[in-house]
C-alpha atoms as a PDB file:
ATOM      1  CA  MET A   1     -97.357  48.144  37.922  1.00  0.00           C
ATOM      2  CA  THR A   2     -97.417  51.100  40.299  1.00  0.00           C
ATOM      3  CA  LYS A   3     -95.552  54.339  39.545  1.00  0.00           C
ATOM      4  CA  LYS A   4     -92.886  53.345  42.057  1.00  0.00           C
ATOM      5  CA  GLU A   5     -92.492  49.926  40.442  1.00  0.00           C
ATOM      6  CA  LEU A   6     -92.242  51.478  36.970  1.00  0.00           C
ATOM      7  CA  ILE A   7     -89.495  53.846  38.137  1.00  0.00           C
ATOM      8  CA  GLU A   8     -87.642  50.975  39.799  1.00  0.00           C
ATOM      9  CA  ASP A   9     -88.024  48.827  36.686  1.00  0.00           C
ATOM     10  CA  TYR A  10     -86.565  51.603  34.541  1.00  0.00           C
ATOM     11  CA  ALA A  11     -83.674  52.079  36.981  1.00  0.00           C
ATOM     12  CA  VAL A  12     -82.866  48.357  36.844  1.00  0.00           C
ATOM     13  CA  LYS A  13     -82.908  48.410  33.042  1.00  0.00           C
ATOM     14  CA  VAL A  14     -80.467  51.330  33.018  1.00  0.00           C
ATOM     15  CA  TYR A  15     -78.245  49.559  35.568  1.00  0.00           C
ATOM     16  CA  ASN A  16     -78.223  46.368  33.482  1.00  0.00           C
ATOM     17  CA  GLN A  17     -77.102  48.352  30.443  1.00  0.00           C
ATOM     18  CA  ILE A  18     -74.220  49.862  32.426  1.00  0.00           C
ATOM     19  CA  ASP A  19     -73.221  46.744  34.385  1.00  0.00           C
ATOM     20  CA  LYS A  20     -74.219  43.887  32.060  1.00  0.00           C
ATOM     21  CA  TYR A  21     -72.383  41.221  34.055  1.00  0.00           C
ATOM     22  CA  HIS A  22     -73.437  42.530  37.507  1.00  0.00           C
ATOM     23  CA  ILE A  23     -69.927  43.295  38.718  1.00  0.00           C
ATOM     24  CA  LEU A  24     -71.258  45.753  41.299  1.00  0.00           C
ATOM     25  CA  PHE A  25     -73.796  43.256  42.677  1.00  0.00           C
ATOM     26  CA  PRO A  26     -72.402  39.779  41.893  1.00  0.00           C
ATOM     27  CA  ASN A  27     -74.835  38.137  44.344  1.00  0.00           C
ATOM     28  CA  GLY A  28     -77.812  40.140  43.133  1.00  0.00           C
ATOM     29  CA  ILE A  29     -80.335  42.072  45.214  1.00  0.00           C
ATOM     30  CA  ASP A  30     -82.992  39.925  46.866  1.00  0.00           C
ATOM     31  CA  GLN A  31     -86.673  40.807  46.873  1.00  0.00           C
ATOM     32  CA  LEU A  32     -89.606  38.907  48.344  1.00  0.00           C
ATOM     33  CA  ILE A  33     -92.657  39.043  46.098  1.00  0.00           C
ATOM     34  CA  ASP A  34     -96.223  37.765  46.406  1.00  0.00           C
ATOM     35  CA  ILE A  35     -98.001  36.436  43.307  1.00  0.00           C
ATOM     36  CA  ASN A  36    -101.615  35.481  43.977  1.00  0.00           C
ATOM     37  CA  GLY A  37    -100.728  34.350  47.488  1.00  0.00           C
ATOM     38  CA  ILE A  38     -97.530  32.526  46.497  1.00  0.00           C
ATOM     39  CA  LYS A  39     -94.411  34.099  47.955  1.00  0.00           C
ATOM     40  CA  ILE A  40     -90.974  33.656  46.422  1.00  0.00           C
ATOM     41  CA  TRP A  41     -87.585  35.294  46.708  1.00  0.00           C
ATOM     42  CA  ILE A  42     -86.085  36.617  43.454  1.00  0.00           C
ATOM     43  CA  ASN A  43     -82.997  38.526  42.373  1.00  0.00           C
ATOM     44  CA  LYS A  44     -84.618  41.799  41.376  1.00  0.00           C
ATOM     45  CA  ILE A  45     -81.765  43.052  39.181  1.00  0.00           C
ATOM     46  CA  GLU A  46     -81.892  39.912  37.028  1.00  0.00           C
ATOM     47  CA  LYS A  47     -84.344  39.958  34.114  1.00  0.00           C
ATOM     48  CA  GLY A  48     -85.586  36.422  34.728  1.00  0.00           C
ATOM     49  CA  GLY A  49     -86.373  37.276  38.330  1.00  0.00           C
ATOM     50  CA  ARG A  50     -88.021  40.556  37.438  1.00  0.00           C
ATOM     51  CA  ARG A  51     -90.246  38.779  34.926  1.00  0.00           C
ATOM     52  CA  TYR A  52     -92.225  37.393  37.856  1.00  0.00           C
ATOM     53  CA  LEU A  53     -93.165  40.957  38.804  1.00  0.00           C
ATOM     54  CA  ILE A  54     -94.962  41.450  35.491  1.00  0.00           C
ATOM     55  CA  HIS A  55     -96.094  38.084  34.134  1.00  0.00           C
ATOM     56  CA  HIS A  56     -98.532  36.436  36.519  1.00  0.00           C
ATOM     57  CA  SER A  57    -100.314  34.128  34.068  1.00  0.00           C
ATOM     58  CA  GLU A  58     -98.827  30.918  35.477  1.00  0.00           C
ATOM     59  CA  ALA A  59    -100.086  31.819  38.958  1.00  0.00           C
ATOM     60  CA  ILE A  60    -103.700  31.819  37.744  1.00  0.00           C
ATOM     61  CA  ASN A  61    -103.402  29.184  35.003  1.00  0.00           C
ATOM     62  CA  PRO A  62    -106.117  26.542  35.691  1.00  0.00           C
ATOM     63  CA  VAL A  63    -103.918  23.805  34.200  1.00  0.00           C
ATOM     64  CA  TYR A  64    -102.073  23.181  37.477  1.00  0.00           C
ATOM     65  CA  ARG A  65    -105.271  22.923  39.527  1.00  0.00           C
ATOM     66  CA  LEU A  66    -106.734  20.558  36.928  1.00  0.00           C
ATOM     67  CA  ILE A  67    -103.627  18.367  36.844  1.00  0.00           C
ATOM     68  CA  GLY A  68    -104.146  17.930  40.568  1.00  0.00           C
ATOM     69  CA  LEU A  69    -107.805  17.000  40.079  1.00  0.00           C
ATOM     70  CA  ASP A  70    -107.352  14.708  37.071  1.00  0.00           C
ATOM     71  CA  TYR A  71    -104.098  12.958  37.920  1.00  0.00           C
ATOM     72  CA  ASN A  72    -103.544  13.524  41.656  1.00  0.00           C
ATOM     73  CA  PRO A  73     -99.756  13.136  41.275  1.00  0.00           C
ATOM     74  CA  ARG A  74     -97.848  11.942  44.319  1.00  0.00           C
ATOM     75  CA  LEU A  75     -94.575  13.034  42.740  1.00  0.00           C
ATOM     76  CA  ILE A  76     -93.827  16.207  40.777  1.00  0.00           C
ATOM     77  CA  LEU A  77     -90.677  16.543  38.672  1.00  0.00           C
ATOM     78  CA  ASP A  78     -89.896  20.203  37.943  1.00  0.00           C
ATOM     79  CA  ILE A  79     -87.285  20.236  35.161  1.00  0.00           C
ATOM     80  CA  GLY A  80     -85.861  23.711  34.693  1.00  0.00           C
ATOM     81  CA  ALA A  81     -87.127  24.862  38.072  1.00  0.00           C
ATOM     82  CA  ASN A  82     -85.622  28.381  37.933  1.00  0.00           C
ATOM     83  CA  TYR A  83     -86.619  30.171  41.177  1.00  0.00           C
ATOM     84  CA  GLY A  84     -89.098  27.415  42.093  1.00  0.00           C
ATOM     85  CA  PHE A  85     -92.276  29.298  41.276  1.00  0.00           C
ATOM     86  CA  ILE A  86     -94.034  26.429  39.469  1.00  0.00           C
ATOM     87  CA  SER A  87     -93.001  24.088  42.278  1.00  0.00           C
ATOM     88  CA  ALA A  88     -94.722  26.485  44.683  1.00  0.00           C
ATOM     89  CA  VAL A  89     -97.828  26.692  42.467  1.00  0.00           C
ATOM     90  CA  MET A  90     -98.090  22.909  42.326  1.00  0.00           C
ATOM     91  CA  HIS A  91     -97.570  22.673  46.091  1.00  0.00           C
ATOM     92  CA  LYS A  92    -100.505  25.040  46.555  1.00  0.00           C
ATOM     93  CA  TYR A  93    -102.826  22.645  44.698  1.00  0.00           C
ATOM     94  CA  ILE A  94    -101.231  19.331  45.714  1.00  0.00           C
ATOM     95  CA  PRO A  95     -99.651  19.972  49.134  1.00  0.00           C
ATOM     96  CA  ASN A  96     -98.981  16.293  49.868  1.00  0.00           C
ATOM     97  CA  ALA A  97     -96.983  15.615  46.701  1.00  0.00           C
ATOM     98  CA  THR A  98     -93.206  15.289  46.855  1.00  0.00           C
ATOM     99  CA  ILE A  99     -91.402  17.655  44.484  1.00  0.00           C
ATOM    100  CA  ILE A 100     -88.069  17.035  42.779  1.00  0.00           C
ATOM    101  CA  ALA A 101     -86.754  20.339  41.422  1.00  0.00           C
ATOM    102  CA  VAL A 102     -83.854  20.206  38.966  1.00  0.00           C
ATOM    103  CA  GLU A 103     -82.038  23.405  37.977  1.00  0.00           C
ATOM    104  CA  PRO A 104     -78.651  23.667  36.183  1.00  0.00           C
ATOM    105  CA  ASN A 105     -77.895  27.305  37.093  1.00  0.00           C
ATOM    106  CA  LYS A 106     -76.025  27.098  40.401  1.00  0.00           C
ATOM    107  CA  LYS A 107     -76.797  30.747  41.229  1.00  0.00           C
ATOM    108  CA  LEU A 108     -80.508  29.859  41.463  1.00  0.00           C
ATOM    109  CA  ILE A 109     -80.055  26.973  43.899  1.00  0.00           C
ATOM    110  CA  PRO A 110     -79.988  29.200  47.039  1.00  0.00           C
ATOM    111  CA  TYR A 111     -83.261  30.799  45.878  1.00  0.00           C
ATOM    112  CA  LEU A 112     -84.807  27.389  45.251  1.00  0.00           C
ATOM    113  CA  LYS A 113     -83.856  26.197  48.735  1.00  0.00           C
ATOM    114  CA  ARG A 114     -85.135  29.400  50.292  1.00  0.00           C
ATOM    115  CA  ASN A 115     -88.427  29.241  48.378  1.00  0.00           C
ATOM    116  CA  PHE A 116     -89.002  25.573  49.207  1.00  0.00           C
ATOM    117  CA  GLU A 117     -88.566  26.392  52.887  1.00  0.00           C
ATOM    118  CA  LEU A 118     -90.715  29.519  52.653  1.00  0.00           C
ATOM    119  CA  ASN A 119     -93.606  27.594  51.079  1.00  0.00           C
ATOM    120  CA  GLY A 120     -93.234  24.444  53.179  1.00  0.00           C
ATOM    121  CA  ILE A 121     -92.471  22.270  50.149  1.00  0.00           C
ATOM    122  CA  LYS A 122     -91.229  18.760  50.838  1.00  0.00           C
ATOM    123  CA  GLY A 123     -88.840  17.300  48.316  1.00  0.00           C
ATOM    124  CA  THR A 124     -85.350  17.577  46.894  1.00  0.00           C
ATOM    125  CA  ILE A 125     -83.415  20.167  44.923  1.00  0.00           C
ATOM    126  CA  SER A 126     -80.737  19.124  42.465  1.00  0.00           C
ATOM    127  CA  ASN A 127     -78.176  21.358  40.755  1.00  0.00           C
ATOM    128  CA  ALA A 128     -78.091  19.378  37.511  1.00  0.00           C
ATOM    129  CA  MET A 129     -79.298  19.347  33.929  1.00  0.00           C
ATOM    130  CA  VAL A 130     -81.671  16.698  32.624  1.00  0.00           C
ATOM    131  CA  GLY A 131     -80.754  15.016  29.357  1.00  0.00           C
ATOM    132  CA  ARG A 132     -80.501  11.755  27.455  1.00  0.00           C
ATOM    133  CA  ASP A 133     -78.334   9.969  29.983  1.00  0.00           C
ATOM    134  CA  THR A 134     -76.626  10.252  33.324  1.00  0.00           C
ATOM    135  CA  SER A 135     -73.028  11.463  33.308  1.00  0.00           C
ATOM    136  CA  THR A 136     -70.652  13.056  35.748  1.00  0.00           C
ATOM    137  CA  GLU A 137     -70.436  16.399  33.979  1.00  0.00           C
ATOM    138  CA  HIS A 138     -71.878  18.376  31.072  1.00  0.00           C
ATOM    139  CA  ASP A 139     -71.445  21.967  29.892  1.00  0.00           C
ATOM    140  CA  PHE A 140     -74.300  24.383  30.553  1.00  0.00           C
ATOM    141  CA  PHE A 141     -74.337  28.009  29.391  1.00  0.00           C
ATOM    142  CA  ILE A 142     -75.616  30.912  31.494  1.00  0.00           C
ATOM    143  CA  SER A 143     -77.396  33.697  29.637  1.00  0.00           C
ATOM    144  CA  PRO A 144     -76.204  37.172  30.705  1.00  0.00           C
ATOM    145  CA  ARG A 145     -79.637  38.506  29.720  1.00  0.00           C
ATOM    146  CA  SER A 146     -81.995  36.350  31.761  1.00  0.00           C
ATOM    147  CA  SER A 147     -81.920  33.259  33.983  1.00  0.00           C
ATOM    148  CA  MET A 148     -84.944  32.037  32.042  1.00  0.00           C
ATOM    149  CA  ASP A 149     -82.896  31.887  28.835  1.00  0.00           C
ATOM    150  CA  SER A 150     -79.857  29.815  29.923  1.00  0.00           C
ATOM    151  CA  ARG A 151     -79.324  26.745  27.729  1.00  0.00           C
ATOM    152  CA  VAL A 152     -77.400  23.549  27.093  1.00  0.00           C
ATOM    153  CA  VAL A 153     -76.204  25.054  23.805  1.00  0.00           C
ATOM    154  CA  GLY A 154     -75.185  28.615  24.521  1.00  0.00           C
ATOM    155  CA  LYS A 155     -74.469  31.677  22.440  1.00  0.00           C
ATOM    156  CA  ASN A 156     -71.213  33.512  21.875  1.00  0.00           C
ATOM    157  CA  LYS A 157     -69.612  34.847  25.092  1.00  0.00           C
ATOM    158  CA  TRP A 158     -72.113  33.129  27.394  1.00  0.00           C
ATOM    159  CA  LYS A 159     -70.485  31.850  30.577  1.00  0.00           C
ATOM    160  CA  LYS A 160     -69.914  28.097  30.572  1.00  0.00           C
ATOM    161  CA  GLN A 161     -70.707  26.177  33.755  1.00  0.00           C
ATOM    162  CA  PRO A 162     -69.988  22.455  34.197  1.00  0.00           C
ATOM    163  CA  VAL A 163     -72.925  20.614  35.753  1.00  0.00           C
ATOM    164  CA  GLU A 164     -73.971  17.050  36.505  1.00  0.00           C
ATOM    165  CA  SER A 165     -76.253  15.427  33.921  1.00  0.00           C
ATOM    166  CA  VAL A 166     -79.171  13.212  34.965  1.00  0.00           C
ATOM    167  CA  SER A 167     -82.131  11.639  33.149  1.00  0.00           C
ATOM    168  CA  ILE A 168     -85.842  11.212  33.803  1.00  0.00           C
ATOM    169  CA  ASP A 169     -85.218   7.466  33.960  1.00  0.00           C
ATOM    170  CA  SER A 170     -82.625   7.886  36.714  1.00  0.00           C
ATOM    171  CA  LEU A 171     -84.697  10.417  38.648  1.00  0.00           C
ATOM    172  CA  LEU A 172     -87.846   8.261  38.584  1.00  0.00           C
ATOM    173  CA  LYS A 173     -86.214   4.852  38.941  1.00  0.00           C
ATOM    174  CA  GLY A 174     -88.330   2.669  41.229  1.00  0.00           C
ATOM    175  CA  ASN A 175     -91.240   5.102  41.328  1.00  0.00           C
ATOM    176  CA  ASN A 176     -94.730   3.728  40.695  1.00  0.00           C
ATOM    177  CA  ASP A 177     -96.757   6.693  41.965  1.00  0.00           C
ATOM    178  CA  PRO A 178     -98.636   9.076  39.632  1.00  0.00           C
ATOM    179  CA  VAL A 179     -96.200  11.683  38.297  1.00  0.00           C
ATOM    180  CA  PHE A 180     -96.508  15.177  36.859  1.00  0.00           C
ATOM    181  CA  ILE A 181     -93.470  16.339  34.884  1.00  0.00           C
ATOM    182  CA  LYS A 182     -92.972  19.977  33.949  1.00  0.00           C
ATOM    183  CA  ILE A 183     -90.307  20.642  31.303  1.00  0.00           C
ATOM    184  CA  ASP A 184     -89.143  24.167  30.465  1.00  0.00           C
ATOM    185  CA  THR A 185     -85.581  24.018  29.157  1.00  0.00           C
ATOM    186  CA  GLN A 186     -85.307  26.457  26.255  1.00  0.00           C
ATOM    187  CA  GLY A 187     -85.448  23.873  23.481  1.00  0.00           C
ATOM    188  CA  PHE A 188     -83.744  20.802  24.994  1.00  0.00           C
ATOM    189  CA  GLU A 189     -87.010  18.905  25.401  1.00  0.00           C
ATOM    190  CA  GLU A 190     -86.339  16.214  22.767  1.00  0.00           C
ATOM    191  CA  TYR A 191     -83.203  14.981  24.547  1.00  0.00           C
ATOM    192  CA  ILE A 192     -84.905  15.077  27.936  1.00  0.00           C
ATOM    193  CA  LEU A 193     -87.753  12.874  26.703  1.00  0.00           C
ATOM    194  CA  GLN A 194     -85.269  10.471  25.127  1.00  0.00           C
ATOM    195  CA  GLY A 195     -83.753  10.101  28.582  1.00  0.00           C
ATOM    196  CA  GLY A 196     -87.151   9.120  29.966  1.00  0.00           C
ATOM    197  CA  GLU A 197     -88.270   6.592  27.375  1.00  0.00           C
ATOM    198  CA  ASN A 198     -87.894   3.602  29.685  1.00  0.00           C
ATOM    199  CA  PHE A 199     -90.076   5.119  32.413  1.00  0.00           C
ATOM    200  CA  LEU A 200     -92.606   6.667  30.028  1.00  0.00           C
ATOM    201  CA  SER A 201     -93.055   3.459  28.034  1.00  0.00           C
ATOM    202  CA  THR A 202     -93.502   1.216  31.081  1.00  0.00           C
ATOM    203  CA  HIS A 203     -95.818   3.405  33.179  1.00  0.00           C
ATOM    204  CA  ASN A 204     -99.255   4.822  32.404  1.00  0.00           C
ATOM    205  CA  ASN A 205     -99.790   7.148  35.356  1.00  0.00           C
ATOM    206  CA  TRP A 206     -97.946  10.266  34.228  1.00  0.00           C
ATOM    207  CA  VAL A 207     -98.607  13.540  32.433  1.00  0.00           C
ATOM    208  CA  ILE A 208     -96.148  16.101  31.049  1.00  0.00           C
ATOM    209  CA  LYS A 209     -96.531  19.832  30.480  1.00  0.00           C
ATOM    210  CA  MET A 210     -93.790  21.109  28.198  1.00  0.00           C
ATOM    211  CA  GLU A 211     -92.908  24.153  26.158  1.00  0.00           C
ATOM    212  CA  PHE A 212     -93.074  23.769  22.383  1.00  0.00           C
ATOM    213  CA  CYS A 213     -90.841  26.297  20.608  1.00  0.00           C
ATOM    214  CA  PRO A 214     -89.501  25.460  17.122  1.00  0.00           C
ATOM    215  CA  ILE A 215     -86.822  28.165  17.145  1.00  0.00           C
ATOM    216  CA  LEU A 216     -85.358  26.920  20.422  1.00  0.00           C
ATOM    217  CA  PHE A 217     -85.636  23.282  19.320  1.00  0.00           C
ATOM    218  CA  GLU A 218     -83.631  24.080  16.211  1.00  0.00           C
ATOM    219  CA  HIS A 219     -81.041  25.950  18.286  1.00  0.00           C
ATOM    220  CA  HIS A 220     -80.355  22.537  19.877  1.00  0.00           C
ATOM    221  CA  ASP A 221     -80.328  20.709  16.510  1.00  0.00           C
ATOM    222  CA  THR A 222     -83.805  19.240  16.940  1.00  0.00           C
ATOM    223  CA  ASN A 223     -85.809  18.784  13.761  1.00  0.00           C
ATOM    224  CA  THR A 224     -89.164  20.164  14.933  1.00  0.00           C
ATOM    225  CA  ARG A 225     -91.255  18.213  12.432  1.00  0.00           C
ATOM    226  CA  GLU A 226     -89.591  14.884  13.147  1.00  0.00           C
ATOM    227  CA  PHE A 227     -89.761  15.526  16.886  1.00  0.00           C
ATOM    228  CA  LEU A 228     -93.499  16.244  16.816  1.00  0.00           C
ATOM    229  CA  LEU A 229     -94.196  13.239  14.589  1.00  0.00           C
ATOM    230  CA  CYS A 230     -92.275  11.056  17.046  1.00  0.00           C
ATOM    231  CA  LEU A 231     -94.241  12.455  20.002  1.00  0.00           C
ATOM    232  CA  ILE A 232     -97.570  11.875  18.285  1.00  0.00           C
ATOM    233  CA  ASP A 233     -96.585   8.327  17.337  1.00  0.00           C
ATOM    234  CA  LYS A 234     -95.703   7.397  20.932  1.00  0.00           C
ATOM    235  CA  TYR A 235     -98.042   9.508  23.057  1.00  0.00           C
ATOM    236  CA  ASP A 236    -101.199  11.617  23.108  1.00  0.00           C
ATOM    237  CA  VAL A 237    -100.257  15.252  22.533  1.00  0.00           C
ATOM    238  CA  ALA A 238    -102.603  18.227  22.875  1.00  0.00           C
ATOM    239  CA  GLU A 239    -102.108  21.979  22.871  1.00  0.00           C
ATOM    240  CA  ILE A 240    -102.839  23.868  26.059  1.00  0.00           C
ATOM    241  CA  ALA A 241    -104.657  26.964  24.875  1.00  0.00           C
ATOM    242  CA  ASP A 242    -106.851  29.249  26.969  1.00  0.00           C
ATOM    243  CA  ILE A 243    -108.499  27.063  29.610  1.00  0.00           C
ATOM    244  CA  PRO A 244    -111.691  28.549  31.090  1.00  0.00           C
ATOM    245  CA  PHE A 245    -111.519  29.427  34.777  1.00  0.00           C
ATOM    246  CA  LYS A 246    -114.380  27.076  35.720  1.00  0.00           C
ATOM    247  CA  SER A 247    -113.059  24.048  33.827  1.00  0.00           C
ATOM    248  CA  LYS A 248    -113.596  20.784  35.700  1.00  0.00           C
ATOM    249  CA  SER A 249    -111.109  18.602  33.780  1.00  0.00           C
ATOM    250  CA  LEU A 250    -108.220  18.675  31.323  1.00  0.00           C
ATOM    251  CA  LYS A 251    -109.323  15.506  29.609  1.00  0.00           C
ATOM    252  CA  SER A 252    -111.520  17.392  27.158  1.00  0.00           C
ATOM    253  CA  ILE A 253    -108.495  19.003  25.477  1.00  0.00           C
ATOM    254  CA  PHE A 254    -107.379  15.553  24.314  1.00  0.00           C
ATOM    255  CA  VAL A 255    -110.568  15.307  22.242  1.00  0.00           C
ATOM    256  CA  ASP A 256    -108.662  17.556  19.838  1.00  0.00           C
ATOM    257  CA  LYS A 257    -105.288  15.891  20.284  1.00  0.00           C
ATOM    258  CA  LEU A 258    -102.779  16.334  17.499  1.00  0.00           C
ATOM    259  CA  ASN A 259    -102.466  13.738  14.746  1.00  0.00           C
ATOM    260  CA  GLU A 260    -100.029  13.240  11.890  1.00  0.00           C
ATOM    261  CA  ASP A 261    -102.087  15.394   9.505  1.00  0.00           C
ATOM    262  CA  ASP A 262    -101.874  18.343  11.927  1.00  0.00           C
ATOM    263  CA  VAL A 263     -98.071  18.482  12.173  1.00  0.00           C
ATOM    264  CA  ASP A 264     -97.168  21.009   9.474  1.00  0.00           C
ATOM    265  CA  GLY A 265    -100.097  23.301  10.243  1.00  0.00           C
ATOM    266  CA  PHE A 266     -99.484  23.203  14.000  1.00  0.00           C
ATOM    267  CA  ILE A 267     -95.801  24.086  13.629  1.00  0.00           C
ATOM    268  CA  LYS A 268     -96.676  27.007  11.338  1.00  0.00           C
ATOM    269  CA  TYR A 269     -99.325  28.162  13.814  1.00  0.00           C
ATOM    270  CA  ILE A 270     -96.880  28.021  16.745  1.00  0.00           C
ATOM    271  CA  ARG A 271     -94.202  29.915  14.802  1.00  0.00           C
ATOM    272  CA  MET A 272     -96.704  32.728  14.247  1.00  0.00           C
ATOM    273  CA  LYS A 273     -97.518  33.059  17.986  1.00  0.00           C
ATOM    274  CA  LYS A 274     -94.920  35.736  18.562  1.00  0.00           C
ATOM    275  CA  GLU A 275     -93.684  36.609  22.033  1.00  0.00           C
ATOM    276  CA  ASN A 276     -90.247  38.153  22.487  1.00  0.00           C
ATOM    277  CA  GLU A 277     -89.824  37.614  18.735  1.00  0.00           C
ATOM    278  CA  ILE A 278     -90.193  33.832  18.939  1.00  0.00           C
ATOM    279  CA  GLY A 279     -93.240  31.630  18.524  1.00  0.00           C
ATOM    280  CA  TRP A 280     -94.042  29.146  21.277  1.00  0.00           C
ATOM    281  CA  GLY A 281     -96.847  27.392  23.094  1.00  0.00           C
ATOM    282  CA  ASP A 282     -97.406  24.690  25.697  1.00  0.00           C
ATOM    283  CA  VAL A 283     -98.522  21.115  25.144  1.00  0.00           C
ATOM    284  CA  LEU A 284     -99.701  18.294  27.382  1.00  0.00           C
ATOM    285  CA  VAL A 285     -98.305  14.832  26.757  1.00  0.00           C
ATOM    286  CA  ARG A 286     -99.774  11.634  28.245  1.00  0.00           C
ATOM    287  CA  PRO A 287     -99.643   7.878  27.548  1.00  0.00           C
ATOM    288  CA  LYS A 288    -101.672   6.824  24.515  1.00  0.00           C
ATOM    289  CA  GLN A 289    -105.260   6.042  25.405  1.00  0.00           C
ATOM    290  CA  VAL A 290    -106.951   3.108  23.730  1.00  0.00           C
END
């Protein structure tokens, strides 16, 4: 970061300590940023938005380019779309794919719409949460700390927001095209996959990238060990570690896919990968290969 950016970052941190709930700027302060050629609008006084100013790893992560090469998805389902950055990254590599972005936080929907238009993304934006089933309304909790940390099960004093609940099965009903599904929902992944079992079990042209974080799973009453065993039993699951820049395919990572004997060691390993005091990593999930 430049000296100017460091000063501004410090000023925002001080402001957020004084005005935790953004009473002075209830609609935020917009800023257009450019990350490796991808432009998005963010709320620069919100920690989740400001994170894009510092953490650029997803913009250069080869995994998205390789998903385009290996799977050529015609449909992309972005679950937990936030500001729409990953949607924009995927559009860069697969410009002809249709993107369905689903985001429960209603304050982020205007940014999503603006960023879809800015990047010429074709698709739909839904203010909803993805879960086990489709219902008219479900509680969702907004983190006062960061838009990236809002959850289905909130913490004390978090603002509760009613939101429509949908499922992967309902979102992908009737679709037979190759699909890429990105899931980043702060620990609600087990329930989301349960809501997609019909589609996932009857199609073989999909791949999922999802966050794997035991602490956040357990916050949502998921038993991490049982969840991972269930995933491994139904699908091929492989960790996404550091992928070399010149990689030609993702398929090689499934050579070392997880098996039942790996479960306890893998969970311990993930717990020890500390970032922001929690251990997490990313995994790829695909239909079992014979």
